[in-house]
Amino acid sequence: MVTKDSCYETEFGEDKVTDQMVQEKINEIRTKYASLAGVLERIHNMDLKETTIGLFGIDAIESLLKLRALILAS
């Protein structure tokens, strides 16, 4: 039987060891930058739909920031 977790592991090559390594790094960052660690943990746990929406949001923010930079430079 194919589960969501097994598809994730085979399609993207991420396994429990890699997941644990990422979580350890996030915990290390948390000691100095709690807010950043919260964002990283949220990103690490996103599913495909959330990731896609996040990418569209980041693209829109990037466009707005570039426009703002052009306005400020002129």
Protein backbone atom coordinates (compact mmCIF):
# COMPACT_ATOMS: atom_id res chain seq x y z
CA MET A 1 0.00 0.00 0.00
CA VAL A 2 1.30 3.45 -0.92
CA THR A 3 0.95 6.07 1.76
CA LYS A 4 1.55 9.80 1.66
CA ASP A 5 4.76 9.32 3.65
CA SER A 6 6.12 6.58 1.40
CA CYS A 7 5.47 8.68 -1.73
CA TYR A 8 7.26 11.58 -0.10
CA GLU A 9 10.25 9.44 0.77
CA THR A 10 10.62 7.87 -2.67
CA GLU A 11 9.77 10.87 -4.87
CA PHE A 12 11.89 13.41 -3.06
CA GLY A 13 14.55 11.22 -1.48
CA GLU A 14 13.92 12.55 2.01
CA ASP A 15 13.91 10.00 4.77
CA LYS A 16 13.70 10.00 8.54
CA VAL A 17 17.43 10.71 8.94
CA THR A 18 17.27 13.78 6.71
CA ASP A 19 14.13 14.96 8.49
CA GLN A 20 15.89 14.58 11.82
CA MET A 21 18.92 16.52 10.54
CA VAL A 22 16.73 19.39 9.38
CA GLN A 23 14.91 19.44 12.72
CA GLU A 24 18.24 19.51 14.61
CA LYS A 25 19.44 22.46 12.52
CA ILE A 26 16.17 24.31 13.15
CA ASN A 27 16.55 23.69 16.88
CA GLU A 28 20.12 25.02 16.70
CA ILE A 29 18.91 28.20 14.97
CA ARG A 30 16.10 28.56 17.51
CA THR A 31 18.60 29.37 20.29
CA LYS A 32 19.60 32.61 18.55
CA TYR A 33 16.70 33.39 16.23
CA ALA A 34 13.40 32.07 17.58
CA SER A 35 11.22 33.79 14.96
CA LEU A 36 13.31 32.53 12.06
CA ALA A 37 13.24 28.99 13.45
CA GLY A 38 9.44 29.17 13.62
CA VAL A 39 9.27 30.15 9.96
CA LEU A 40 11.73 27.42 8.95
CA GLU A 41 9.81 24.80 10.89
CA ARG A 42 6.57 25.88 9.22
CA ILE A 43 8.18 25.66 5.77
CA HIS A 44 9.68 22.25 6.56
CA ASN A 45 6.24 20.88 7.43
CA MET A 46 4.34 22.30 4.45
CA ASP A 47 2.47 20.02 2.07
CA LEU A 48 2.39 20.49 -1.71
CA LYS A 49 -0.61 22.83 -1.71
CA GLU A 50 0.87 25.07 1.00
CA THR A 51 4.24 25.11 -0.77
CA THR A 52 2.66 26.16 -4.07
CA ILE A 53 0.66 28.95 -2.41
CA GLY A 54 3.82 30.07 -0.59
CA LEU A 55 5.77 30.24 -3.84
CA PHE A 56 3.09 32.41 -5.45
CA GLY A 57 3.11 34.66 -2.39
CA ILE A 58 6.89 35.00 -2.39
CA ASP A 59 6.86 35.81 -6.12
CA ALA A 60 4.27 38.55 -5.55
CA ILE A 61 6.26 40.03 -2.65
CA GLU A 62 9.45 39.98 -4.74
CA SER A 63 7.70 41.89 -7.53
CA LEU A 64 6.36 44.48 -5.08
CA LEU A 65 9.78 44.97 -3.50
CA LYS A 66 11.43 45.45 -6.90
CA LEU A 67 8.77 48.01 -7.82
CA ARG A 68 9.31 49.80 -4.50
CA ALA A 69 13.07 49.86 -5.11
CA LEU A 70 12.54 51.40 -8.54
CA ILE A 71 10.29 54.09 -7.06
CA LEU A 72 12.78 54.91 -4.31
CA ALA A 73 15.72 55.01 -6.75
CA SER A 74 14.07 57.58 -9.01
